[in-house]
Amino acid sequence: DFVVDDLPSAIDRAMQAGAVIEDAMRTESWGRIAHFADPFGNGF
């Protein structure tokens, strides 16, 4: 899990680098999260 200051910007940057988004950003009481796979199949 990588903690970022601005999730929408981090999502854009990850996707431009080749990440595959697997679950759209969702908001919880503690914060916001989005699920990805890197180009090698590793989830993060």
PDB file of all heavy atoms in Angstrom:
ATOM      1  N   ASP A   1       0.866  -1.169   0.000  1.00  0.00           N
ATOM      2  CA  ASP A   1       0.000   0.000   0.000  1.00  0.00           C
ATOM      3  C   ASP A   1       0.909   1.227   0.000  1.00  0.00           C
ATOM      4  O   ASP A   1       1.781   1.357   0.865  1.00  0.00           O
ATOM      5  CB  ASP A   1      -0.879   0.058   1.255  1.00  0.00           C
ATOM      6  CG  ASP A   1      -2.012  -0.947   1.253  1.00  0.00           C
ATOM      7  OD1 ASP A   1      -2.251  -1.581   0.212  1.00  0.00           O
ATOM      8  OD2 ASP A   1      -2.656  -1.102   2.307  1.00  0.00           O
ATOM      9  N   PHE A   2       0.712   2.105  -0.958  1.00  0.00           N
ATOM     10  CA  PHE A   2       1.478   3.333  -1.029  1.00  0.00           C
ATOM     11  C   PHE A   2       0.576   4.486  -0.608  1.00  0.00           C
ATOM     12  O   PHE A   2      -0.465   4.718  -1.226  1.00  0.00           O
ATOM     13  CB  PHE A   2       2.013   3.564  -2.446  1.00  0.00           C
ATOM     14  CG  PHE A   2       3.024   2.537  -2.862  1.00  0.00           C
ATOM     15  CD1 PHE A   2       2.636   1.433  -3.611  1.00  0.00           C
ATOM     16  CD2 PHE A   2       4.354   2.663  -2.505  1.00  0.00           C
ATOM     17  CE1 PHE A   2       3.564   0.486  -4.001  1.00  0.00           C
ATOM     18  CE2 PHE A   2       5.292   1.718  -2.883  1.00  0.00           C
ATOM     19  CZ  PHE A   2       4.895   0.623  -3.634  1.00  0.00           C
ATOM     20  N   VAL A   3       0.964   5.192   0.445  1.00  0.00           N
ATOM     21  CA  VAL A   3       0.187   6.321   0.956  1.00  0.00           C
ATOM     22  C   VAL A   3       0.593   7.566   0.174  1.00  0.00           C
ATOM     23  O   VAL A   3       1.775   7.889   0.060  1.00  0.00           O
ATOM     24  CB  VAL A   3       0.437   6.527   2.464  1.00  0.00           C
ATOM     25  CG1 VAL A   3      -0.354   7.726   2.981  1.00  0.00           C
ATOM     26  CG2 VAL A   3       0.075   5.261   3.246  1.00  0.00           C
ATOM     27  N   VAL A   4      -0.401   8.249  -0.373  1.00  0.00           N
ATOM     28  CA  VAL A   4      -0.173   9.439  -1.190  1.00  0.00           C
ATOM     29  C   VAL A   4      -0.948  10.611  -0.609  1.00  0.00           C
ATOM     30  O   VAL A   4      -1.882  10.436   0.173  1.00  0.00           O
ATOM     31  CB  VAL A   4      -0.578   9.186  -2.660  1.00  0.00           C
ATOM     32  CG1 VAL A   4       0.258   8.056  -3.267  1.00  0.00           C
ATOM     33  CG2 VAL A   4      -2.059   8.870  -2.777  1.00  0.00           C
ATOM     34  N   ASP A   5      -0.564  11.814  -0.998  1.00  0.00           N
ATOM     35  CA  ASP A   5      -1.246  13.018  -0.521  1.00  0.00           C
ATOM     36  C   ASP A   5      -2.462  13.384  -1.351  1.00  0.00           C
ATOM     37  O   ASP A   5      -3.380  14.041  -0.856  1.00  0.00           O
ATOM     38  CB  ASP A   5      -0.279  14.210  -0.513  1.00  0.00           C
ATOM     39  CG  ASP A   5       0.827  14.037   0.516  1.00  0.00           C
ATOM     40  OD1 ASP A   5       0.587  13.415   1.567  1.00  0.00           O
ATOM     41  OD2 ASP A   5       1.937  14.529   0.254  1.00  0.00           O
ATOM     42  N   ASP A   6      -2.469  13.006  -2.626  1.00  0.00           N
ATOM     43  CA  ASP A   6      -3.540  13.373  -3.546  1.00  0.00           C
ATOM     44  C   ASP A   6      -3.873  12.146  -4.389  1.00  0.00           C
ATOM     45  O   ASP A   6      -3.207  11.876  -5.394  1.00  0.00           O
ATOM     46  CB  ASP A   6      -3.077  14.543  -4.411  1.00  0.00           C
ATOM     47  CG  ASP A   6      -4.098  14.985  -5.440  1.00  0.00           C
ATOM     48  OD1 ASP A   6      -5.198  14.384  -5.527  1.00  0.00           O
ATOM     49  OD2 ASP A   6      -3.787  15.933  -6.187  1.00  0.00           O
ATOM     50  N   LEU A   7      -4.883  11.393  -3.985  1.00  0.00           N
ATOM     51  CA  LEU A   7      -5.181  10.122  -4.646  1.00  0.00           C
ATOM     52  C   LEU A   7      -5.557  10.280  -6.119  1.00  0.00           C
ATOM     53  O   LEU A   7      -5.032   9.540  -6.954  1.00  0.00           O
ATOM     54  CB  LEU A   7      -6.255   9.350  -3.874  1.00  0.00           C
ATOM     55  CG  LEU A   7      -6.538   7.937  -4.386  1.00  0.00           C
ATOM     56  CD1 LEU A   7      -5.274   7.089  -4.424  1.00  0.00           C
ATOM     57  CD2 LEU A   7      -7.603   7.275  -3.541  1.00  0.00           C
ATOM     58  N   PRO A   8      -6.421  11.200  -6.510  1.00  0.00           N
ATOM     59  CA  PRO A   8      -6.734  11.308  -7.940  1.00  0.00           C
ATOM     60  C   PRO A   8      -5.497  11.544  -8.814  1.00  0.00           C
ATOM     61  O   PRO A   8      -5.345  10.930  -9.874  1.00  0.00           O
ATOM     62  CB  PRO A   8      -7.717  12.475  -8.014  1.00  0.00           C
ATOM     63  CG  PRO A   8      -8.387  12.456  -6.671  1.00  0.00           C
ATOM     64  CD  PRO A   8      -7.291  12.092  -5.703  1.00  0.00           C
ATOM     65  N   SER A   9      -4.588  12.391  -8.371  1.00  0.00           N
ATOM     66  CA  SER A   9      -3.355  12.631  -9.135  1.00  0.00           C
ATOM     67  C   SER A   9      -2.479  11.386  -9.167  1.00  0.00           C
ATOM     68  O   SER A   9      -1.883  11.064 -10.196  1.00  0.00           O
ATOM     69  CB  SER A   9      -2.560  13.795  -8.524  1.00  0.00           C
ATOM     70  OG  SER A   9      -3.264  14.996  -8.671  1.00  0.00           O
ATOM     71  N   ALA A  10      -2.400  10.675  -8.041  1.00  0.00           N
ATOM     72  CA  ALA A  10      -1.590   9.456  -7.976  1.00  0.00           C
ATOM     73  C   ALA A  10      -2.172   8.375  -8.880  1.00  0.00           C
ATOM     74  O   ALA A  10      -1.428   7.616  -9.515  1.00  0.00           O
ATOM     75  CB  ALA A  10      -1.499   8.965  -6.534  1.00  0.00           C
ATOM     76  N   ILE A  11      -3.493   8.292  -8.954  1.00  0.00           N
ATOM     77  CA  ILE A  11      -4.142   7.331  -9.853  1.00  0.00           C
ATOM     78  C   ILE A  11      -3.762   7.635 -11.297  1.00  0.00           C
ATOM     79  O   ILE A  11      -3.379   6.739 -12.056  1.00  0.00           O
ATOM     80  CB  ILE A  11      -5.680   7.348  -9.658  1.00  0.00           C
ATOM     81  CG1 ILE A  11      -6.050   6.724  -8.313  1.00  0.00           C
ATOM     82  CG2 ILE A  11      -6.377   6.643 -10.823  1.00  0.00           C
ATOM     83  CD1 ILE A  11      -7.512   6.903  -7.932  1.00  0.00           C
ATOM     84  N   ASP A  12      -3.854   8.887 -11.688  1.00  0.00           N
ATOM     85  CA  ASP A  12      -3.492   9.278 -13.061  1.00  0.00           C
ATOM     86  C   ASP A  12      -2.044   8.929 -13.367  1.00  0.00           C
ATOM     87  O   ASP A  12      -1.742   8.370 -14.418  1.00  0.00           O
ATOM     88  CB  ASP A  12      -3.715  10.783 -13.275  1.00  0.00           C
ATOM     89  CG  ASP A  12      -5.185  11.167 -13.312  1.00  0.00           C
ATOM     90  OD1 ASP A  12      -6.039  10.271 -13.512  1.00  0.00           O
ATOM     91  OD2 ASP A  12      -5.470  12.365 -13.138  1.00  0.00           O
ATOM     92  N   ARG A  13      -1.138   9.259 -12.436  1.00  0.00           N
ATOM     93  CA  ARG A  13       0.284   8.993 -12.640  1.00  0.00           C
ATOM     94  C   ARG A  13       0.546   7.483 -12.777  1.00  0.00           C
ATOM     95  O   ARG A  13       1.278   7.041 -13.664  1.00  0.00           O
ATOM     96  CB  ARG A  13       1.091   9.594 -11.488  1.00  0.00           C
ATOM     97  CG  ARG A  13       2.577   9.609 -11.694  1.00  0.00           C
ATOM     98  CD  ARG A  13       3.323  10.424 -10.635  1.00  0.00           C
ATOM     99  NE  ARG A  13       3.023  10.003  -9.279  1.00  0.00           N
ATOM    100  CZ  ARG A  13       2.324  10.723  -8.390  1.00  0.00           C
ATOM    101  NH1 ARG A  13       1.846  11.912  -8.716  1.00  0.00           N
ATOM    102  NH2 ARG A  13       2.105  10.268  -7.177  1.00  0.00           N
ATOM    103  N   ALA A  14      -0.076   6.677 -11.917  1.00  0.00           N
ATOM    104  CA  ALA A  14       0.113   5.220 -11.966  1.00  0.00           C
ATOM    105  C   ALA A  14      -0.403   4.648 -13.283  1.00  0.00           C
ATOM    106  O   ALA A  14       0.250   3.807 -13.908  1.00  0.00           O
ATOM    107  CB  ALA A  14      -0.584   4.561 -10.777  1.00  0.00           C
ATOM    108  N   MET A  15      -1.565   5.101 -13.716  1.00  0.00           N
ATOM    109  CA  MET A  15      -2.138   4.579 -14.957  1.00  0.00           C
ATOM    110  C   MET A  15      -1.311   5.003 -16.173  1.00  0.00           C
ATOM    111  O   MET A  15      -1.120   4.217 -17.106  1.00  0.00           O
ATOM    112  CB  MET A  15      -3.600   4.983 -15.075  1.00  0.00           C
ATOM    113  CG  MET A  15      -4.453   4.270 -14.018  1.00  0.00           C
ATOM    114  SD  MET A  15      -6.194   4.674 -14.076  1.00  0.00           S
ATOM    115  CE  MET A  15      -6.648   3.965 -15.640  1.00  0.00           C
ATOM    116  N   GLN A  16      -0.806   6.223 -16.173  1.00  0.00           N
ATOM    117  CA  GLN A  16       0.057   6.672 -17.275  1.00  0.00           C
ATOM    118  C   GLN A  16       1.336   5.851 -17.343  1.00  0.00           C
ATOM    119  O   GLN A  16       1.898   5.653 -18.415  1.00  0.00           O
ATOM    120  CB  GLN A  16       0.380   8.161 -17.132  1.00  0.00           C
ATOM    121  CG  GLN A  16      -0.787   9.058 -17.434  1.00  0.00           C
ATOM    122  CD  GLN A  16      -0.482  10.524 -17.171  1.00  0.00           C
ATOM    123  OE1 GLN A  16       0.656  10.912 -16.960  1.00  0.00           O
ATOM    124  NE2 GLN A  16      -1.523  11.341 -17.181  1.00  0.00           N
ATOM    125  N   ALA A  17       1.788   5.342 -16.190  1.00  0.00           N
ATOM    126  CA  ALA A  17       3.009   4.527 -16.144  1.00  0.00           C
ATOM    127  C   ALA A  17       2.742   3.073 -16.510  1.00  0.00           C
ATOM    128  O   ALA A  17       3.676   2.305 -16.668  1.00  0.00           O
ATOM    129  CB  ALA A  17       3.636   4.622 -14.758  1.00  0.00           C
ATOM    130  N   GLY A  18       1.464   2.684 -16.629  1.00  0.00           N
ATOM    131  CA  GLY A  18       1.147   1.321 -17.048  1.00  0.00           C
ATOM    132  C   GLY A  18       0.392   0.481 -16.046  1.00  0.00           C
ATOM    133  O   GLY A  18       0.162  -0.707 -16.278  1.00  0.00           O
ATOM    134  N   ALA A  19      -0.013   1.054 -14.922  1.00  0.00           N
ATOM    135  CA  ALA A  19      -0.801   0.299 -13.946  1.00  0.00           C
ATOM    136  C   ALA A  19      -2.196   0.030 -14.493  1.00  0.00           C
ATOM    137  O   ALA A  19      -2.718   0.804 -15.302  1.00  0.00           O
ATOM    138  CB  ALA A  19      -0.915   1.076 -12.628  1.00  0.00           C
ATOM    139  N   VAL A  20      -2.780  -1.059 -14.045  1.00  0.00           N
ATOM    140  CA  VAL A  20      -4.157  -1.399 -14.399  1.00  0.00           C
ATOM    141  C   VAL A  20      -5.004  -1.192 -13.157  1.00  0.00           C
ATOM    142  O   VAL A  20      -4.740  -1.809 -12.111  1.00  0.00           O
ATOM    143  CB  VAL A  20      -4.264  -2.865 -14.870  1.00  0.00           C
ATOM    144  CG1 VAL A  20      -5.711  -3.247 -15.128  1.00  0.00           C
ATOM    145  CG2 VAL A  20      -3.407  -3.084 -16.103  1.00  0.00           C
ATOM    146  N   ILE A  21      -5.993  -0.312 -13.236  1.00  0.00           N
ATOM    147  CA  ILE A  21      -6.867  -0.100 -12.084  1.00  0.00           C
ATOM    148  C   ILE A  21      -7.861  -1.253 -12.023  1.00  0.00           C
ATOM    149  O   ILE A  21      -8.439  -1.640 -13.031  1.00  0.00           O
ATOM    150  CB  ILE A  21      -7.563   1.274 -12.118  1.00  0.00           C
ATOM    151  CG1 ILE A  21      -8.218   1.558 -10.767  1.00  0.00           C
ATOM    152  CG2 ILE A  21      -8.513   1.388 -13.278  1.00  0.00           C
ATOM    153  CD1 ILE A  21      -8.528   3.020 -10.526  1.00  0.00           C
ATOM    154  N   GLU A  22      -8.025  -1.827 -10.827  1.00  0.00           N
ATOM    155  CA  GLU A  22      -8.887  -2.997 -10.666  1.00  0.00           C
ATOM    156  C   GLU A  22     -10.158  -2.679  -9.899  1.00  0.00           C
ATOM    157  O   GLU A  22     -11.168  -3.340 -10.094  1.00  0.00           O
ATOM    158  CB  GLU A  22      -8.112  -4.112  -9.972  1.00  0.00           C
ATOM    159  CG  GLU A  22      -6.944  -4.586 -10.825  1.00  0.00           C
ATOM    160  CD  GLU A  22      -6.215  -5.764 -10.245  1.00  0.00           C
ATOM    161  OE1 GLU A  22      -6.062  -5.841  -9.012  1.00  0.00           O
ATOM    162  OE2 GLU A  22      -5.799  -6.621 -11.040  1.00  0.00           O
ATOM    163  N   ASP A  23     -10.116  -1.714  -9.042  1.00  0.00           N
ATOM    164  CA  ASP A  23     -11.298  -1.226  -8.329  1.00  0.00           C
ATOM    165  C   ASP A  23     -11.215   0.287  -8.290  1.00  0.00           C
ATOM    166  O   ASP A  23     -10.182   0.841  -7.902  1.00  0.00           O
ATOM    167  CB  ASP A  23     -11.361  -1.766  -6.894  1.00  0.00           C
ATOM    168  CG  ASP A  23     -11.693  -3.249  -6.841  1.00  0.00           C
ATOM    169  OD1 ASP A  23     -12.616  -3.666  -7.555  1.00  0.00           O
ATOM    170  OD2 ASP A  23     -11.028  -3.973  -6.087  1.00  0.00           O
ATOM    171  N   ALA A  24     -12.272   0.937  -8.683  1.00  0.00           N
ATOM    172  CA  ALA A  24     -12.304   2.395  -8.686  1.00  0.00           C
ATOM    173  C   ALA A  24     -12.103   2.934  -7.275  1.00  0.00           C
ATOM    174  O   ALA A  24     -12.350   2.244  -6.280  1.00  0.00           O
ATOM    175  CB  ALA A  24     -13.633   2.886  -9.246  1.00  0.00           C
ATOM    176  N   MET A  25     -11.657   4.165  -7.213  1.00  0.00           N
ATOM    177  CA  MET A  25     -11.448   4.811  -5.927  1.00  0.00           C
ATOM    178  C   MET A  25     -12.735   4.776  -5.104  1.00  0.00           C
ATOM    179  O   MET A  25     -13.816   5.028  -5.629  1.00  0.00           O
ATOM    180  CB  MET A  25     -11.028   6.267  -6.157  1.00  0.00           C
ATOM    181  CG  MET A  25     -10.790   7.047  -4.887  1.00  0.00           C
ATOM    182  SD  MET A  25     -10.206   8.727  -5.215  1.00  0.00           S
ATOM    183  CE  MET A  25     -11.613   9.453  -6.039  1.00  0.00           C
ATOM    184  N   ARG A  26     -12.593   4.431  -3.834  1.00  0.00           N
ATOM    185  CA  ARG A  26     -13.732   4.486  -2.922  1.00  0.00           C
ATOM    186  C   ARG A  26     -13.301   5.221  -1.663  1.00  0.00           C
ATOM    187  O   ARG A  26     -12.120   5.256  -1.319  1.00  0.00           O
ATOM    188  CB  ARG A  26     -14.272   3.100  -2.616  1.00  0.00           C
ATOM    189  CG  ARG A  26     -13.450   2.267  -1.698  1.00  0.00           C
ATOM    190  CD  ARG A  26     -14.183   0.943  -1.336  1.00  0.00           C
ATOM    191  NE  ARG A  26     -13.576   0.348  -0.188  1.00  0.00           N
ATOM    192  CZ  ARG A  26     -12.579  -0.522  -0.217  1.00  0.00           C
ATOM    193  NH1 ARG A  26     -12.070  -0.902  -1.367  1.00  0.00           N
ATOM    194  NH2 ARG A  26     -12.077  -1.004   0.899  1.00  0.00           N
ATOM    195  N   THR A  27     -14.276   5.808  -1.000  1.00  0.00           N
ATOM    196  CA  THR A  27     -14.014   6.583   0.206  1.00  0.00           C
ATOM    197  C   THR A  27     -14.566   5.856   1.416  1.00  0.00           C
ATOM    198  O   THR A  27     -15.695   5.362   1.397  1.00  0.00           O
ATOM    199  CB  THR A  27     -14.656   7.982   0.089  1.00  0.00           C
ATOM    200  OG1 THR A  27     -14.116   8.632  -1.078  1.00  0.00           O
ATOM    201  CG2 THR A  27     -14.375   8.823   1.310  1.00  0.00           C
ATOM    202  N   GLU A  28     -13.743   5.783   2.445  1.00  0.00           N
ATOM    203  CA  GLU A  28     -14.111   5.201   3.741  1.00  0.00           C
ATOM    204  C   GLU A  28     -13.962   6.296   4.786  1.00  0.00           C
ATOM    205  O   GLU A  28     -13.473   7.386   4.488  1.00  0.00           O
ATOM    206  CB  GLU A  28     -13.179   4.023   4.075  1.00  0.00           C
ATOM    207  CG  GLU A  28     -13.141   2.933   3.024  1.00  0.00           C
ATOM    208  CD  GLU A  28     -14.434   2.129   2.961  1.00  0.00           C
ATOM    209  OE1 GLU A  28     -15.202   2.135   3.938  1.00  0.00           O
ATOM    210  OE2 GLU A  28     -14.661   1.487   1.924  1.00  0.00           O
ATOM    211  N   SER A  29     -14.343   6.008   6.011  1.00  0.00           N
ATOM    212  CA  SER A  29     -14.207   7.024   7.059  1.00  0.00           C
ATOM    213  C   SER A  29     -12.745   7.403   7.311  1.00  0.00           C
ATOM    214  O   SER A  29     -12.442   8.529   7.688  1.00  0.00           O
ATOM    215  CB  SER A  29     -14.832   6.528   8.364  1.00  0.00           C
ATOM    216  OG  SER A  29     -14.190   5.354   8.809  1.00  0.00           O
ATOM    217  N   TRP A  30     -11.826   6.487   7.067  1.00  0.00           N
ATOM    218  CA  TRP A  30     -10.398   6.722   7.318  1.00  0.00           C
ATOM    219  C   TRP A  30      -9.664   7.338   6.136  1.00  0.00           C
ATOM    220  O   TRP A  30      -8.566   7.850   6.264  1.00  0.00           O
ATOM    221  CB  TRP A  30      -9.707   5.418   7.718  1.00  0.00           C
ATOM    222  CG  TRP A  30      -9.961   4.306   6.753  1.00  0.00           C
ATOM    223  CD1 TRP A  30     -10.937   3.362   6.824  1.00  0.00           C
ATOM    224  CD2 TRP A  30      -9.250   4.054   5.550  1.00  0.00           C
ATOM    225  NE1 TRP A  30     -10.873   2.525   5.739  1.00  0.00           N
ATOM    226  CE2 TRP A  30      -9.840   2.925   4.943  1.00  0.00           C
ATOM    227  CE3 TRP A  30      -8.163   4.658   4.915  1.00  0.00           C
ATOM    228  CZ2 TRP A  30      -9.376   2.404   3.740  1.00  0.00           C
ATOM    229  CZ3 TRP A  30      -7.708   4.129   3.720  1.00  0.00           C
ATOM    230  CH2 TRP A  30      -8.325   3.004   3.159  1.00  0.00           C
ATOM    231  N   GLY A  31     -10.256   7.226   4.912  1.00  0.00           N
ATOM    232  CA  GLY A  31      -9.575   7.769   3.746  1.00  0.00           C
ATOM    233  C   GLY A  31     -10.109   7.203   2.446  1.00  0.00           C
ATOM    234  O   GLY A  31     -11.198   6.625   2.399  1.00  0.00           O
ATOM    235  N   ARG A  32      -9.317   7.374   1.394  1.00  0.00           N
ATOM    236  CA  ARG A  32      -9.704   6.892   0.066  1.00  0.00           C
ATOM    237  C   ARG A  32      -8.671   5.868  -0.416  1.00  0.00           C
ATOM    238  O   ARG A  32      -7.487   5.987  -0.099  1.00  0.00           O
ATOM    239  CB  ARG A  32      -9.776   8.061  -0.917  1.00  0.00           C
ATOM    240  CG  ARG A  32     -10.753   9.131  -0.457  1.00  0.00           C
ATOM    241  CD  ARG A  32     -11.012  10.195  -1.478  1.00  0.00           C
ATOM    242  NE  ARG A  32      -9.836  11.001  -1.789  1.00  0.00           N
ATOM    243  CZ  ARG A  32      -9.847  11.997  -2.671  1.00  0.00           C
ATOM    244  NH1 ARG A  32     -10.947  12.295  -3.332  1.00  0.00           N
ATOM    245  NH2 ARG A  32      -8.764  12.694  -2.900  1.00  0.00           N
ATOM    246  N   ILE A  33      -9.147   4.901  -1.213  1.00  0.00           N
ATOM    247  CA  ILE A  33      -8.285   3.820  -1.669  1.00  0.00           C
ATOM    248  C   ILE A  33      -8.666   3.406  -3.082  1.00  0.00           C
ATOM    249  O   ILE A  33      -9.832   3.505  -3.474  1.00  0.00           O
ATOM    250  CB  ILE A  33      -8.368   2.607  -0.708  1.00  0.00           C
ATOM    251  CG1 ILE A  33      -7.333   1.527  -1.068  1.00  0.00           C
ATOM    252  CG2 ILE A  33      -9.780   2.053  -0.641  1.00  0.00           C
ATOM    253  CD1 ILE A  33      -7.174   0.454  -0.004  1.00  0.00           C
ATOM    254  N   ALA A  34      -7.677   2.952  -3.847  1.00  0.00           N
ATOM    255  CA  ALA A  34      -7.892   2.369  -5.173  1.00  0.00           C
ATOM    256  C   ALA A  34      -6.943   1.187  -5.321  1.00  0.00           C
ATOM    257  O   ALA A  34      -5.810   1.229  -4.833  1.00  0.00           O
ATOM    258  CB  ALA A  34      -7.647   3.398  -6.275  1.00  0.00           C
ATOM    259  N   HIS A  35      -7.424   0.118  -5.977  1.00  0.00           N
ATOM    260  CA  HIS A  35      -6.659  -1.120  -6.154  1.00  0.00           C
ATOM    261  C   HIS A  35      -6.122  -1.207  -7.585  1.00  0.00           C
ATOM    262  O   HIS A  35      -6.852  -0.904  -8.536  1.00  0.00           O
ATOM    263  CB  HIS A  35      -7.542  -2.341  -5.891  1.00  0.00           C
ATOM    264  CG  HIS A  35      -8.072  -2.390  -4.505  1.00  0.00           C
ATOM    265  ND1 HIS A  35      -9.270  -1.832  -4.149  1.00  0.00           N
ATOM    266  CD2 HIS A  35      -7.554  -2.936  -3.374  1.00  0.00           C
ATOM    267  CE1 HIS A  35      -9.492  -2.031  -2.866  1.00  0.00           C
ATOM    268  NE2 HIS A  35      -8.452  -2.696  -2.369  1.00  0.00           N
ATOM    269  N   PHE A  36      -4.880  -1.698  -7.709  1.00  0.00           N
ATOM    270  CA  PHE A  36      -4.192  -1.768  -9.002  1.00  0.00           C
ATOM    271  C   PHE A  36      -3.424  -3.071  -9.153  1.00  0.00           C
ATOM    272  O   PHE A  36      -3.166  -3.768  -8.184  1.00  0.00           O
ATOM    273  CB  PHE A  36      -3.144  -0.647  -9.107  1.00  0.00           C
ATOM    274  CG  PHE A  36      -3.714   0.720  -9.147  1.00  0.00           C
ATOM    275  CD1 PHE A  36      -3.971   1.405  -7.972  1.00  0.00           C
ATOM    276  CD2 PHE A  36      -3.984   1.347 -10.352  1.00  0.00           C
ATOM    277  CE1 PHE A  36      -4.493   2.678  -7.994  1.00  0.00           C
ATOM    278  CE2 PHE A  36      -4.509   2.621 -10.380  1.00  0.00           C
ATOM    279  CZ  PHE A  36      -4.763   3.284  -9.199  1.00  0.00           C
ATOM    280  N   ALA A  37      -2.984  -3.316 -10.379  1.00  0.00           N
ATOM    281  CA  ALA A  37      -1.949  -4.305 -10.678  1.00  0.00           C
ATOM    282  C   ALA A  37      -0.866  -3.583 -11.464  1.00  0.00           C
ATOM    283  O   ALA A  37      -1.163  -2.735 -12.317  1.00  0.00           O
ATOM    284  CB  ALA A  37      -2.506  -5.461 -11.507  1.00  0.00           C
ATOM    285  N   ASP A  38       0.393  -3.898 -11.144  1.00  0.00           N
ATOM    286  CA  ASP A  38       1.484  -3.341 -11.942  1.00  0.00           C
ATOM    287  C   ASP A  38       1.590  -4.134 -13.245  1.00  0.00           C
ATOM    288  O   ASP A  38       0.878  -5.126 -13.428  1.00  0.00           O
ATOM    289  CB  ASP A  38       2.789  -3.294 -11.132  1.00  0.00           C
ATOM    290  CG  ASP A  38       3.452  -4.647 -10.918  1.00  0.00           C
ATOM    291  OD1 ASP A  38       3.053  -5.656 -11.539  1.00  0.00           O
ATOM    292  OD2 ASP A  38       4.399  -4.698 -10.102  1.00  0.00           O
ATOM    293  N   PRO A  39       2.432  -3.727 -14.173  1.00  0.00           N
ATOM    294  CA  PRO A  39       2.524  -4.436 -15.455  1.00  0.00           C
ATOM    295  C   PRO A  39       3.001  -5.884 -15.351  1.00  0.00           C
ATOM    296  O   PRO A  39       2.968  -6.612 -16.330  1.00  0.00           O
ATOM    297  CB  PRO A  39       3.528  -3.591 -16.256  1.00  0.00           C
ATOM    298  CG  PRO A  39       3.454  -2.231 -15.657  1.00  0.00           C
ATOM    299  CD  PRO A  39       3.201  -2.479 -14.195  1.00  0.00           C
ATOM    300  N   PHE A  40       3.420  -6.316 -14.157  1.00  0.00           N
ATOM    301  CA  PHE A  40       3.930  -7.666 -13.948  1.00  0.00           C
ATOM    302  C   PHE A  40       2.979  -8.531 -13.147  1.00  0.00           C
ATOM    303  O   PHE A  40       3.326  -9.614 -12.709  1.00  0.00           O
ATOM    304  CB  PHE A  40       5.303  -7.593 -13.275  1.00  0.00           C
ATOM    305  CG  PHE A  40       6.293  -6.828 -14.094  1.00  0.00           C
ATOM    306  CD1 PHE A  40       6.398  -5.454 -13.968  1.00  0.00           C
ATOM    307  CD2 PHE A  40       7.088  -7.475 -15.017  1.00  0.00           C
ATOM    308  CE1 PHE A  40       7.292  -4.737 -14.746  1.00  0.00           C
ATOM    309  CE2 PHE A  40       7.985  -6.761 -15.802  1.00  0.00           C
ATOM    310  CZ  PHE A  40       8.082  -5.391 -15.670  1.00  0.00           C
ATOM    311  N   GLY A  41       1.759  -8.035 -12.905  1.00  0.00           N
ATOM    312  CA  GLY A  41       0.751  -8.819 -12.209  1.00  0.00           C
ATOM    313  C   GLY A  41       0.739  -8.673 -10.704  1.00  0.00           C
ATOM    314  O   GLY A  41      -0.060  -9.319 -10.027  1.00  0.00           O
ATOM    315  N   ASN A  42       1.619  -7.843 -10.144  1.00  0.00           N
ATOM    316  CA  ASN A  42       1.638  -7.640  -8.695  1.00  0.00           C
ATOM    317  C   ASN A  42       0.571  -6.636  -8.285  1.00  0.00           C
ATOM    318  O   ASN A  42       0.494  -5.545  -8.844  1.00  0.00           O
ATOM    319  CB  ASN A  42       3.008  -7.108  -8.249  1.00  0.00           C
ATOM    320  CG  ASN A  42       4.128  -8.040  -8.615  1.00  0.00           C
ATOM    321  OD1 ASN A  42       4.115  -9.203  -8.239  1.00  0.00           O
ATOM    322  ND2 ASN A  42       5.096  -7.540  -9.365  1.00  0.00           N
ATOM    323  N   GLY A  43      -0.239  -7.003  -7.309  1.00  0.00           N
ATOM    324  CA  GLY A  43      -1.253  -6.087  -6.813  1.00  0.00           C
ATOM    325  C   GLY A  43      -0.658  -5.056  -5.877  1.00  0.00           C
ATOM    326  O   GLY A  43       0.314  -5.326  -5.170  1.00  0.00           O
ATOM    327  N   PHE A  44      -1.235  -3.868  -5.893  1.00  0.00           N
ATOM    328  CA  PHE A  44      -0.856  -2.827  -4.924  1.00  0.00           C
ATOM    329  C   PHE A  44      -2.018  -1.862  -4.796  1.00  0.00           C
ATOM    330  O   PHE A  44      -2.926  -1.836  -5.625  1.00  0.00           O
ATOM    331  CB  PHE A  44       0.437  -2.096  -5.333  1.00  0.00           C
ATOM    332  CG  PHE A  44       0.322  -1.205  -6.537  1.00  0.00           C
ATOM    333  CD1 PHE A  44       0.070   0.152  -6.398  1.00  0.00           C
ATOM    334  CD2 PHE A  44       0.482  -1.725  -7.814  1.00  0.00           C
ATOM    335  CE1 PHE A  44      -0.027   0.981  -7.513  1.00  0.00           C
ATOM    336  CE2 PHE A  44       0.391  -0.906  -8.944  1.00  0.00           C
ATOM    337  CZ  PHE A  44       0.137   0.450  -8.787  1.00  0.00           C
TER     338      PHE A  44
END
